[in-house]
Amino acid sequence: MPDGGVAALDSRRRAVAVAMACKAALALCFLVAIALPLDHLEGKGMAFRFPLFMLSAAVVPLAWAWRGRFRPYPATADALIVAPFLIDTLGNLAHVYDSFDATDDVLHTVNWILLVGAFHAWRYRRGGAASLSRSDAWLLGAGLGALAIVGWEAAEWIVAATGAGGGLDLTYDDTVADLVLSTVGGMVGSALAVAAFPRRRTGGTEQA
Protein backbone atom coordinates (compact mmCIF):
# COMPACT_ATOMS: atom_id res chain seq x y z
CA MET A 1 0.00 0.00 0.00
CA PRO A 2 1.45 3.42 -0.92
CA ASP A 3 2.46 5.51 2.09
CA GLY A 4 -0.27 8.15 2.06
CA GLY A 5 -0.94 10.91 -0.42
CA VAL A 6 -2.75 10.61 -3.71
CA ALA A 7 -1.27 7.18 -4.41
CA ALA A 8 -3.14 5.84 -1.39
CA LEU A 9 -6.37 7.27 -2.77
CA ASP A 10 -5.68 5.62 -6.12
CA SER A 11 -5.15 2.28 -4.38
CA ARG A 12 -8.62 2.18 -2.87
CA ARG A 13 -10.81 -0.60 -4.21
CA ARG A 14 -13.51 1.61 -5.72
CA ALA A 15 -11.24 4.36 -7.05
CA VAL A 16 -11.32 3.19 -10.67
CA ALA A 17 -15.06 2.50 -10.48
CA VAL A 18 -15.71 6.09 -9.38
CA ALA A 19 -13.68 7.45 -12.30
CA MET A 20 -15.51 5.21 -14.77
CA ALA A 21 -18.88 6.20 -13.31
CA CYS A 22 -18.08 9.90 -13.86
CA LYS A 23 -17.32 9.19 -17.52
CA ALA A 24 -20.45 7.12 -18.06
CA ALA A 25 -22.59 9.82 -16.44
CA LEU A 26 -21.03 12.49 -18.66
CA ALA A 27 -21.73 10.48 -21.82
CA LEU A 28 -25.32 9.83 -20.69
CA CYS A 29 -25.93 13.52 -20.00
CA PHE A 30 -24.82 14.47 -23.50
CA LEU A 31 -26.90 11.69 -25.02
CA VAL A 32 -29.97 13.20 -23.35
CA ALA A 33 -28.98 16.81 -24.13
CA ILE A 34 -28.42 16.16 -27.83
CA ALA A 35 -31.26 13.69 -28.40
CA LEU A 36 -34.00 15.69 -26.68
CA PRO A 37 -35.07 19.16 -27.95
CA LEU A 38 -34.97 20.96 -24.60
CA ASP A 39 -35.72 24.67 -24.88
CA HIS A 40 -33.46 25.68 -22.01
CA LEU A 41 -30.42 24.25 -23.84
CA GLU A 42 -30.79 26.74 -26.68
CA GLY A 43 -27.70 28.95 -26.86
CA LYS A 44 -25.66 26.57 -24.68
CA GLY A 45 -23.56 25.18 -27.54
CA MET A 46 -24.10 21.58 -26.45
CA ALA A 47 -23.07 20.17 -29.82
CA PHE A 48 -19.83 22.14 -29.59
CA ARG A 49 -19.23 21.07 -26.01
CA PHE A 50 -19.81 17.36 -26.64
CA PRO A 51 -16.47 16.38 -28.27
CA LEU A 52 -14.45 18.74 -26.09
CA PHE A 53 -16.03 17.59 -22.85
CA MET A 54 -15.77 13.90 -23.74
CA LEU A 55 -12.09 14.44 -24.51
CA SER A 56 -11.60 14.93 -20.77
CA ALA A 57 -12.46 11.24 -20.32
CA ALA A 58 -9.47 10.25 -22.48
CA VAL A 59 -6.78 12.58 -21.10
CA VAL A 60 -5.61 10.52 -18.12
CA PRO A 61 -5.91 7.06 -19.78
CA LEU A 62 -3.85 8.25 -22.75
CA ALA A 63 -1.25 9.91 -20.53
CA TRP A 64 -1.12 6.81 -18.32
CA ALA A 65 -0.55 4.54 -21.31
CA TRP A 66 2.13 6.89 -22.62
CA ARG A 67 3.94 6.86 -19.26
CA GLY A 68 4.08 3.08 -19.04
CA ARG A 69 0.87 2.09 -17.26
CA PHE A 70 2.26 2.53 -13.74
CA ARG A 71 0.33 1.12 -10.80
CA PRO A 72 -2.01 1.84 -9.21
CA TYR A 73 -4.01 3.50 -11.98
CA PRO A 74 -4.24 7.32 -11.40
CA ALA A 75 -7.97 7.18 -10.71
CA THR A 76 -8.02 10.33 -8.58
CA ALA A 77 -6.65 12.47 -11.42
CA ASP A 78 -9.01 10.73 -13.85
CA ALA A 79 -12.11 11.41 -11.75
CA LEU A 80 -11.11 14.98 -10.91
CA ILE A 81 -10.49 16.00 -14.52
CA VAL A 82 -13.86 14.64 -15.68
CA ALA A 83 -15.88 15.93 -12.72
CA PRO A 84 -15.98 19.63 -13.74
CA PHE A 85 -17.30 18.76 -17.20
CA LEU A 86 -19.91 16.45 -15.68
CA ILE A 87 -21.01 19.12 -13.20
CA ASP A 88 -21.27 21.77 -15.91
CA THR A 89 -23.29 19.48 -18.18
CA LEU A 90 -25.60 18.43 -15.36
CA GLY A 91 -26.12 22.08 -14.49
CA ASN A 92 -27.19 22.89 -18.03
CA LEU A 93 -29.33 19.80 -18.37
CA ALA A 94 -31.15 20.43 -15.10
CA HIS A 95 -31.76 24.09 -16.00
CA VAL A 96 -29.86 25.19 -12.90
CA TYR A 97 -27.83 27.92 -14.58
CA ASP A 98 -30.92 29.83 -15.68
CA SER A 99 -32.87 29.14 -12.50
CA PHE A 100 -30.26 30.41 -10.03
CA ASP A 101 -28.15 33.43 -10.94
CA ALA A 102 -25.21 32.45 -8.73
CA THR A 103 -24.80 29.00 -10.29
CA ASP A 104 -22.30 30.03 -12.96
CA ASP A 105 -20.13 31.90 -10.46
CA VAL A 106 -20.15 29.08 -7.91
CA LEU A 107 -19.44 26.35 -10.43
CA HIS A 108 -16.64 28.23 -12.14
CA THR A 109 -14.89 28.39 -8.78
CA VAL A 110 -15.63 24.79 -7.82
CA ASN A 111 -14.75 23.38 -11.24
CA TRP A 112 -11.36 25.08 -11.27
CA ILE A 113 -10.63 23.70 -7.82
CA LEU A 114 -11.25 20.24 -9.28
CA LEU A 115 -9.28 20.83 -12.50
CA VAL A 116 -6.18 22.08 -10.71
CA GLY A 117 -6.59 19.25 -8.23
CA ALA A 118 -6.50 16.82 -11.16
CA PHE A 119 -3.27 18.38 -12.40
CA HIS A 120 -1.60 17.95 -9.00
CA ALA A 121 -3.02 14.45 -8.55
CA TRP A 122 -1.27 13.42 -11.75
CA ARG A 123 1.91 15.38 -11.02
CA TYR A 124 2.45 13.91 -7.57
CA ARG A 125 1.96 10.39 -8.93
CA ARG A 126 4.69 10.97 -11.50
CA GLY A 127 7.20 12.37 -9.00
CA GLY A 128 7.02 15.80 -10.60
CA ALA A 129 7.01 17.52 -7.23
CA ALA A 130 10.48 16.40 -6.15
CA SER A 131 12.26 19.51 -7.41
CA LEU A 132 9.67 22.05 -6.24
CA SER A 133 9.02 23.71 -2.91
CA ARG A 134 5.44 23.79 -1.68
CA SER A 135 5.13 27.45 -2.65
CA ASP A 136 6.47 26.78 -6.15
CA ALA A 137 4.11 23.82 -6.52
CA TRP A 138 1.21 26.06 -5.50
CA LEU A 139 2.21 28.73 -7.99
CA LEU A 140 2.52 26.15 -10.76
CA GLY A 141 -1.01 24.89 -10.18
CA ALA A 142 -2.49 28.35 -9.76
CA GLY A 143 -0.78 29.54 -12.94
CA LEU A 144 -2.05 26.57 -14.88
CA GLY A 145 -5.57 27.30 -13.67
CA ALA A 146 -5.30 30.92 -14.80
CA LEU A 147 -4.06 29.87 -18.24
CA ALA A 148 -6.84 27.31 -18.52
CA ILE A 149 -9.62 29.84 -17.95
CA VAL A 150 -8.09 32.25 -20.46
CA GLY A 151 -8.11 29.45 -23.02
CA TRP A 152 -11.66 28.48 -22.10
CA GLU A 153 -12.99 32.01 -22.44
CA ALA A 154 -11.17 32.42 -25.77
CA ALA A 155 -12.83 29.24 -27.04
CA GLU A 156 -16.25 30.48 -25.89
CA TRP A 157 -15.67 33.80 -27.67
CA ILE A 158 -14.88 31.94 -30.90
CA VAL A 159 -18.08 29.91 -30.57
CA ALA A 160 -20.12 33.05 -29.88
CA ALA A 161 -18.54 34.91 -32.80
CA THR A 162 -18.93 32.11 -35.34
CA GLY A 163 -22.18 30.55 -34.14
CA ALA A 164 -20.53 27.11 -34.15
CA GLY A 165 -22.41 24.34 -32.37
CA GLY A 166 -25.48 26.52 -31.95
CA GLY A 167 -23.56 29.50 -30.59
CA LEU A 168 -23.37 30.90 -27.07
CA ASP A 169 -25.01 33.82 -25.30
CA LEU A 170 -22.15 35.72 -23.65
CA THR A 171 -21.67 39.11 -22.02
CA TYR A 172 -18.53 41.04 -21.09
CA ASP A 173 -19.50 40.96 -17.40
CA ASP A 174 -19.87 37.18 -17.49
CA THR A 175 -16.46 36.76 -19.11
CA VAL A 176 -14.64 38.93 -16.57
CA ALA A 177 -16.41 37.23 -13.67
CA ASP A 178 -15.50 33.80 -15.04
CA LEU A 179 -11.83 34.82 -15.39
CA VAL A 180 -11.62 36.09 -11.82
CA LEU A 181 -13.60 33.32 -10.12
CA SER A 182 -11.89 30.51 -11.98
CA THR A 183 -8.47 31.95 -11.19
CA VAL A 184 -9.44 32.10 -7.52
CA GLY A 185 -10.70 28.52 -7.74
CA GLY A 186 -7.41 27.44 -9.24
CA MET A 187 -5.51 29.11 -6.41
CA VAL A 188 -7.66 27.35 -3.80
CA GLY A 189 -7.47 24.01 -5.61
CA SER A 190 -3.71 24.24 -5.87
CA ALA A 191 -3.38 25.00 -2.15
CA LEU A 192 -5.63 22.08 -1.19
CA ALA A 193 -3.84 19.64 -3.49
CA VAL A 194 -0.35 20.67 -2.39
CA ALA A 195 -1.46 20.13 1.21
CA ALA A 196 -3.23 16.78 0.64
CA PHE A 197 -1.57 14.92 -2.22
CA PRO A 198 2.17 14.55 -1.41
CA ARG A 199 3.23 11.14 -0.15
CA ARG A 200 4.15 10.99 3.53
CA ARG A 201 7.36 9.20 4.36
CA THR A 202 8.61 7.53 7.50
CA GLY A 203 9.46 10.08 10.18
CA GLY A 204 6.79 12.52 9.09
CA THR A 205 8.65 13.90 6.11
CA GLU A 206 6.85 14.57 2.87
CA GLN A 207 7.49 14.22 -0.84
CA ALA A 208 7.73 17.93 -1.64
C-alpha atoms as a PDB file:
ATOM      1  CA  MET A   1       0.000   0.000   0.000  1.00  0.00           C
ATOM      2  CA  PRO A   2       1.452   3.418  -0.919  1.00  0.00           C
ATOM      3  CA  ASP A   3       2.460   5.513   2.088  1.00  0.00           C
ATOM      4  CA  GLY A   4      -0.274   8.149   2.060  1.00  0.00           C
ATOM      5  CA  GLY A   5      -0.940  10.914  -0.421  1.00  0.00           C
ATOM      6  CA  VAL A   6      -2.747  10.608  -3.712  1.00  0.00           C
ATOM      7  CA  ALA A   7      -1.266   7.179  -4.414  1.00  0.00           C
ATOM      8  CA  ALA A   8      -3.138   5.839  -1.394  1.00  0.00           C
ATOM      9  CA  LEU A   9      -6.375   7.269  -2.770  1.00  0.00           C
ATOM     10  CA  ASP A  10      -5.680   5.618  -6.124  1.00  0.00           C
ATOM     11  CA  SER A  11      -5.146   2.282  -4.378  1.00  0.00           C
ATOM     12  CA  ARG A  12      -8.619   2.184  -2.867  1.00  0.00           C
ATOM     13  CA  ARG A  13     -10.812  -0.602  -4.208  1.00  0.00           C
ATOM     14  CA  ARG A  14     -13.512   1.605  -5.715  1.00  0.00           C
ATOM     15  CA  ALA A  15     -11.242   4.359  -7.055  1.00  0.00           C
ATOM     16  CA  VAL A  16     -11.323   3.188 -10.667  1.00  0.00           C
ATOM     17  CA  ALA A  17     -15.064   2.499 -10.480  1.00  0.00           C
ATOM     18  CA  VAL A  18     -15.714   6.089  -9.376  1.00  0.00           C
ATOM     19  CA  ALA A  19     -13.679   7.448 -12.298  1.00  0.00           C
ATOM     20  CA  MET A  20     -15.510   5.213 -14.769  1.00  0.00           C
ATOM     21  CA  ALA A  21     -18.882   6.200 -13.308  1.00  0.00           C
ATOM     22  CA  CYS A  22     -18.079   9.895 -13.862  1.00  0.00           C
ATOM     23  CA  LYS A  23     -17.316   9.192 -17.522  1.00  0.00           C
ATOM     24  CA  ALA A  24     -20.446   7.117 -18.057  1.00  0.00           C
ATOM     25  CA  ALA A  25     -22.587   9.815 -16.441  1.00  0.00           C
ATOM     26  CA  LEU A  26     -21.026  12.494 -18.660  1.00  0.00           C
ATOM     27  CA  ALA A  27     -21.732  10.484 -21.815  1.00  0.00           C
ATOM     28  CA  LEU A  28     -25.324   9.832 -20.689  1.00  0.00           C
ATOM     29  CA  CYS A  29     -25.932  13.524 -20.002  1.00  0.00           C
ATOM     30  CA  PHE A  30     -24.817  14.467 -23.495  1.00  0.00           C
ATOM     31  CA  LEU A  31     -26.900  11.693 -25.024  1.00  0.00           C
ATOM     32  CA  VAL A  32     -29.969  13.198 -23.352  1.00  0.00           C
ATOM     33  CA  ALA A  33     -28.983  16.810 -24.133  1.00  0.00           C
ATOM     34  CA  ILE A  34     -28.421  16.161 -27.828  1.00  0.00           C
ATOM     35  CA  ALA A  35     -31.260  13.691 -28.402  1.00  0.00           C
ATOM     36  CA  LEU A  36     -34.000  15.695 -26.676  1.00  0.00           C
ATOM     37  CA  PRO A  37     -35.067  19.155 -27.953  1.00  0.00           C
ATOM     38  CA  LEU A  38     -34.968  20.956 -24.599  1.00  0.00           C
ATOM     39  CA  ASP A  39     -35.718  24.671 -24.879  1.00  0.00           C
ATOM     40  CA  HIS A  40     -33.458  25.683 -22.005  1.00  0.00           C
ATOM     41  CA  LEU A  41     -30.424  24.254 -23.836  1.00  0.00           C
ATOM     42  CA  GLU A  42     -30.789  26.739 -26.683  1.00  0.00           C
ATOM     43  CA  GLY A  43     -27.700  28.949 -26.865  1.00  0.00           C
ATOM     44  CA  LYS A  44     -25.664  26.575 -24.684  1.00  0.00           C
ATOM     45  CA  GLY A  45     -23.556  25.183 -27.542  1.00  0.00           C
ATOM     46  CA  MET A  46     -24.095  21.578 -26.453  1.00  0.00           C
ATOM     47  CA  ALA A  47     -23.066  20.172 -29.825  1.00  0.00           C
ATOM     48  CA  PHE A  48     -19.828  22.136 -29.594  1.00  0.00           C
ATOM     49  CA  ARG A  49     -19.231  21.066 -26.006  1.00  0.00           C
ATOM     50  CA  PHE A  50     -19.810  17.357 -26.635  1.00  0.00           C
ATOM     51  CA  PRO A  51     -16.473  16.376 -28.270  1.00  0.00           C
ATOM     52  CA  LEU A  52     -14.451  18.735 -26.093  1.00  0.00           C
ATOM     53  CA  PHE A  53     -16.034  17.587 -22.845  1.00  0.00           C
ATOM     54  CA  MET A  54     -15.769  13.898 -23.736  1.00  0.00           C
ATOM     55  CA  LEU A  55     -12.087  14.439 -24.506  1.00  0.00           C
ATOM     56  CA  SER A  56     -11.599  14.927 -20.769  1.00  0.00           C
ATOM     57  CA  ALA A  57     -12.456  11.244 -20.320  1.00  0.00           C
ATOM     58  CA  ALA A  58      -9.470  10.253 -22.483  1.00  0.00           C
ATOM     59  CA  VAL A  59      -6.782  12.576 -21.104  1.00  0.00           C
ATOM     60  CA  VAL A  60      -5.611  10.516 -18.125  1.00  0.00           C
ATOM     61  CA  PRO A  61      -5.911   7.060 -19.779  1.00  0.00           C
ATOM     62  CA  LEU A  62      -3.851   8.247 -22.747  1.00  0.00           C
ATOM     63  CA  ALA A  63      -1.245   9.905 -20.531  1.00  0.00           C
ATOM     64  CA  TRP A  64      -1.123   6.811 -18.318  1.00  0.00           C
ATOM     65  CA  ALA A  65      -0.552   4.535 -21.305  1.00  0.00           C
ATOM     66  CA  TRP A  66       2.130   6.892 -22.620  1.00  0.00           C
ATOM     67  CA  ARG A  67       3.943   6.858 -19.264  1.00  0.00           C
ATOM     68  CA  GLY A  68       4.083   3.081 -19.042  1.00  0.00           C
ATOM     69  CA  ARG A  69       0.865   2.086 -17.263  1.00  0.00           C
ATOM     70  CA  PHE A  70       2.263   2.528 -13.742  1.00  0.00           C
ATOM     71  CA  ARG A  71       0.334   1.119 -10.795  1.00  0.00           C
ATOM     72  CA  PRO A  72      -2.012   1.838  -9.206  1.00  0.00           C
ATOM     73  CA  TYR A  73      -4.005   3.505 -11.982  1.00  0.00           C
ATOM     74  CA  PRO A  74      -4.243   7.316 -11.405  1.00  0.00           C
ATOM     75  CA  ALA A  75      -7.968   7.177 -10.712  1.00  0.00           C
ATOM     76  CA  THR A  76      -8.020  10.329  -8.585  1.00  0.00           C
ATOM     77  CA  ALA A  77      -6.653  12.467 -11.416  1.00  0.00           C
ATOM     78  CA  ASP A  78      -9.012  10.730 -13.850  1.00  0.00           C
ATOM     79  CA  ALA A  79     -12.115  11.407 -11.754  1.00  0.00           C
ATOM     80  CA  LEU A  80     -11.109  14.977 -10.910  1.00  0.00           C
ATOM     81  CA  ILE A  81     -10.488  15.997 -14.515  1.00  0.00           C
ATOM     82  CA  VAL A  82     -13.862  14.637 -15.684  1.00  0.00           C
ATOM     83  CA  ALA A  83     -15.885  15.927 -12.718  1.00  0.00           C
ATOM     84  CA  PRO A  84     -15.975  19.632 -13.739  1.00  0.00           C
ATOM     85  CA  PHE A  85     -17.302  18.757 -17.200  1.00  0.00           C
ATOM     86  CA  LEU A  86     -19.906  16.452 -15.682  1.00  0.00           C
ATOM     87  CA  ILE A  87     -21.006  19.121 -13.196  1.00  0.00           C
ATOM     88  CA  ASP A  88     -21.269  21.770 -15.912  1.00  0.00           C
ATOM     89  CA  THR A  89     -23.289  19.480 -18.178  1.00  0.00           C
ATOM     90  CA  LEU A  90     -25.605  18.434 -15.364  1.00  0.00           C
ATOM     91  CA  GLY A  91     -26.124  22.085 -14.491  1.00  0.00           C
ATOM     92  CA  ASN A  92     -27.191  22.892 -18.034  1.00  0.00           C
ATOM     93  CA  LEU A  93     -29.333  19.796 -18.365  1.00  0.00           C
ATOM     94  CA  ALA A  94     -31.149  20.434 -15.097  1.00  0.00           C
ATOM     95  CA  HIS A  95     -31.760  24.091 -15.999  1.00  0.00           C
ATOM     96  CA  VAL A  96     -29.860  25.189 -12.900  1.00  0.00           C
ATOM     97  CA  TYR A  97     -27.825  27.921 -14.582  1.00  0.00           C
ATOM     98  CA  ASP A  98     -30.922  29.827 -15.683  1.00  0.00           C
ATOM     99  CA  SER A  99     -32.871  29.143 -12.503  1.00  0.00           C
ATOM    100  CA  PHE A 100     -30.258  30.410 -10.029  1.00  0.00           C
ATOM    101  CA  ASP A 101     -28.150  33.430 -10.939  1.00  0.00           C
ATOM    102  CA  ALA A 102     -25.214  32.448  -8.733  1.00  0.00           C
ATOM    103  CA  THR A 103     -24.799  28.999 -10.295  1.00  0.00           C
ATOM    104  CA  ASP A 104     -22.298  30.026 -12.958  1.00  0.00           C
ATOM    105  CA  ASP A 105     -20.126  31.900 -10.456  1.00  0.00           C
ATOM    106  CA  VAL A 106     -20.148  29.083  -7.907  1.00  0.00           C
ATOM    107  CA  LEU A 107     -19.438  26.347 -10.428  1.00  0.00           C
ATOM    108  CA  HIS A 108     -16.635  28.232 -12.143  1.00  0.00           C
ATOM    109  CA  THR A 109     -14.889  28.392  -8.781  1.00  0.00           C
ATOM    110  CA  VAL A 110     -15.626  24.789  -7.818  1.00  0.00           C
ATOM    111  CA  ASN A 111     -14.748  23.380 -11.238  1.00  0.00           C
ATOM    112  CA  TRP A 112     -11.364  25.080 -11.273  1.00  0.00           C
ATOM    113  CA  ILE A 113     -10.625  23.696  -7.817  1.00  0.00           C
ATOM    114  CA  LEU A 114     -11.253  20.239  -9.285  1.00  0.00           C
ATOM    115  CA  LEU A 115      -9.276  20.831 -12.498  1.00  0.00           C
ATOM    116  CA  VAL A 116      -6.183  22.081 -10.708  1.00  0.00           C
ATOM    117  CA  GLY A 117      -6.594  19.245  -8.227  1.00  0.00           C
ATOM    118  CA  ALA A 118      -6.503  16.819 -11.164  1.00  0.00           C
ATOM    119  CA  PHE A 119      -3.267  18.377 -12.396  1.00  0.00           C
ATOM    120  CA  HIS A 120      -1.602  17.954  -9.004  1.00  0.00           C
ATOM    121  CA  ALA A 121      -3.024  14.447  -8.547  1.00  0.00           C
ATOM    122  CA  TRP A 122      -1.268  13.424 -11.748  1.00  0.00           C
ATOM    123  CA  ARG A 123       1.912  15.377 -11.020  1.00  0.00           C
ATOM    124  CA  TYR A 124       2.447  13.912  -7.573  1.00  0.00           C
ATOM    125  CA  ARG A 125       1.959  10.393  -8.926  1.00  0.00           C
ATOM    126  CA  ARG A 126       4.690  10.971 -11.500  1.00  0.00           C
ATOM    127  CA  GLY A 127       7.196  12.370  -9.001  1.00  0.00           C
ATOM    128  CA  GLY A 128       7.017  15.798 -10.600  1.00  0.00           C
ATOM    129  CA  ALA A 129       7.010  17.516  -7.225  1.00  0.00           C
ATOM    130  CA  ALA A 130      10.478  16.397  -6.155  1.00  0.00           C
ATOM    131  CA  SER A 131      12.258  19.509  -7.411  1.00  0.00           C
ATOM    132  CA  LEU A 132       9.672  22.053  -6.239  1.00  0.00           C
ATOM    133  CA  SER A 133       9.021  23.708  -2.912  1.00  0.00           C
ATOM    134  CA  ARG A 134       5.437  23.793  -1.676  1.00  0.00           C
ATOM    135  CA  SER A 135       5.134  27.451  -2.650  1.00  0.00           C
ATOM    136  CA  ASP A 136       6.471  26.778  -6.150  1.00  0.00           C
ATOM    137  CA  ALA A 137       4.109  23.821  -6.520  1.00  0.00           C
ATOM    138  CA  TRP A 138       1.208  26.061  -5.495  1.00  0.00           C
ATOM    139  CA  LEU A 139       2.214  28.732  -7.993  1.00  0.00           C
ATOM    140  CA  LEU A 140       2.521  26.151 -10.763  1.00  0.00           C
ATOM    141  CA  GLY A 141      -1.008  24.889 -10.178  1.00  0.00           C
ATOM    142  CA  ALA A 142      -2.490  28.352  -9.762  1.00  0.00           C
ATOM    143  CA  GLY A 143      -0.780  29.540 -12.940  1.00  0.00           C
ATOM    144  CA  LEU A 144      -2.050  26.566 -14.881  1.00  0.00           C
ATOM    145  CA  GLY A 145      -5.574  27.298 -13.666  1.00  0.00           C
ATOM    146  CA  ALA A 146      -5.305  30.919 -14.804  1.00  0.00           C
ATOM    147  CA  LEU A 147      -4.058  29.873 -18.244  1.00  0.00           C
ATOM    148  CA  ALA A 148      -6.840  27.309 -18.523  1.00  0.00           C
ATOM    149  CA  ILE A 149      -9.623  29.841 -17.948  1.00  0.00           C
ATOM    150  CA  VAL A 150      -8.088  32.253 -20.455  1.00  0.00           C
ATOM    151  CA  GLY A 151      -8.110  29.446 -23.024  1.00  0.00           C
ATOM    152  CA  TRP A 152     -11.665  28.478 -22.098  1.00  0.00           C
ATOM    153  CA  GLU A 153     -12.987  32.009 -22.443  1.00  0.00           C
ATOM    154  CA  ALA A 154     -11.172  32.424 -25.766  1.00  0.00           C
ATOM    155  CA  ALA A 155     -12.835  29.243 -27.037  1.00  0.00           C
ATOM    156  CA  GLU A 156     -16.247  30.485 -25.886  1.00  0.00           C
ATOM    157  CA  TRP A 157     -15.666  33.796 -27.669  1.00  0.00           C
ATOM    158  CA  ILE A 158     -14.877  31.944 -30.900  1.00  0.00           C
ATOM    159  CA  VAL A 159     -18.077  29.914 -30.571  1.00  0.00           C
ATOM    160  CA  ALA A 160     -20.118  33.046 -29.884  1.00  0.00           C
ATOM    161  CA  ALA A 161     -18.543  34.914 -32.796  1.00  0.00           C
ATOM    162  CA  THR A 162     -18.933  32.111 -35.336  1.00  0.00           C
ATOM    163  CA  GLY A 163     -22.183  30.550 -34.141  1.00  0.00           C
ATOM    164  CA  ALA A 164     -20.527  27.113 -34.146  1.00  0.00           C
ATOM    165  CA  GLY A 165     -22.411  24.341 -32.375  1.00  0.00           C
ATOM    166  CA  GLY A 166     -25.483  26.520 -31.952  1.00  0.00           C
ATOM    167  CA  GLY A 167     -23.561  29.498 -30.590  1.00  0.00           C
ATOM    168  CA  LEU A 168     -23.366  30.897 -27.067  1.00  0.00           C
ATOM    169  CA  ASP A 169     -25.014  33.825 -25.304  1.00  0.00           C
ATOM    170  CA  LEU A 170     -22.154  35.724 -23.651  1.00  0.00           C
ATOM    171  CA  THR A 171     -21.668  39.114 -22.024  1.00  0.00           C
ATOM    172  CA  TYR A 172     -18.532  41.041 -21.086  1.00  0.00           C
ATOM    173  CA  ASP A 173     -19.501  40.957 -17.396  1.00  0.00           C
ATOM    174  CA  ASP A 174     -19.868  37.175 -17.493  1.00  0.00           C
ATOM    175  CA  THR A 175     -16.460  36.757 -19.115  1.00  0.00           C
ATOM    176  CA  VAL A 176     -14.642  38.926 -16.575  1.00  0.00           C
ATOM    177  CA  ALA A 177     -16.411  37.232 -13.669  1.00  0.00           C
ATOM    178  CA  ASP A 178     -15.496  33.804 -15.042  1.00  0.00           C
ATOM    179  CA  LEU A 179     -11.834  34.819 -15.389  1.00  0.00           C
ATOM    180  CA  VAL A 180     -11.617  36.093 -11.818  1.00  0.00           C
ATOM    181  CA  LEU A 181     -13.602  33.321 -10.122  1.00  0.00           C
ATOM    182  CA  SER A 182     -11.894  30.511 -11.984  1.00  0.00           C
ATOM    183  CA  THR A 183      -8.473  31.949 -11.186  1.00  0.00           C
ATOM    184  CA  VAL A 184      -9.437  32.097  -7.519  1.00  0.00           C
ATOM    185  CA  GLY A 185     -10.704  28.515  -7.737  1.00  0.00           C
ATOM    186  CA  GLY A 186      -7.406  27.443  -9.243  1.00  0.00           C
ATOM    187  CA  MET A 187      -5.511  29.110  -6.407  1.00  0.00           C
ATOM    188  CA  VAL A 188      -7.656  27.350  -3.804  1.00  0.00           C
ATOM    189  CA  GLY A 189      -7.471  24.010  -5.609  1.00  0.00           C
ATOM    190  CA  SER A 190      -3.707  24.238  -5.866  1.00  0.00           C
ATOM    191  CA  ALA A 191      -3.378  25.000  -2.150  1.00  0.00           C
ATOM    192  CA  LEU A 192      -5.632  22.082  -1.190  1.00  0.00           C
ATOM    193  CA  ALA A 193      -3.843  19.643  -3.491  1.00  0.00           C
ATOM    194  CA  VAL A 194      -0.348  20.670  -2.388  1.00  0.00           C
ATOM    195  CA  ALA A 195      -1.458  20.128   1.210  1.00  0.00           C
ATOM    196  CA  ALA A 196      -3.228  16.782   0.637  1.00  0.00           C
ATOM    197  CA  PHE A 197      -1.568  14.918  -2.221  1.00  0.00           C
ATOM    198  CA  PRO A 198       2.175  14.550  -1.413  1.00  0.00           C
ATOM    199  CA  ARG A 199       3.233  11.137  -0.149  1.00  0.00           C
ATOM    200  CA  ARG A 200       4.148  10.985   3.529  1.00  0.00           C
ATOM    201  CA  ARG A 201       7.356   9.201   4.357  1.00  0.00           C
ATOM    202  CA  THR A 202       8.611   7.530   7.497  1.00  0.00           C
ATOM    203  CA  GLY A 203       9.463  10.078  10.179  1.00  0.00           C
ATOM    204  CA  GLY A 204       6.787  12.518   9.091  1.00  0.00           C
ATOM    205  CA  THR A 205       8.652  13.901   6.109  1.00  0.00           C
ATOM    206  CA  GLU A 206       6.853  14.573   2.870  1.00  0.00           C
ATOM    207  CA  GLN A 207       7.488  14.219  -0.841  1.00  0.00           C
ATOM    208  CA  ALA A 208       7.731  17.932  -1.636  1.00  0.00           C
END
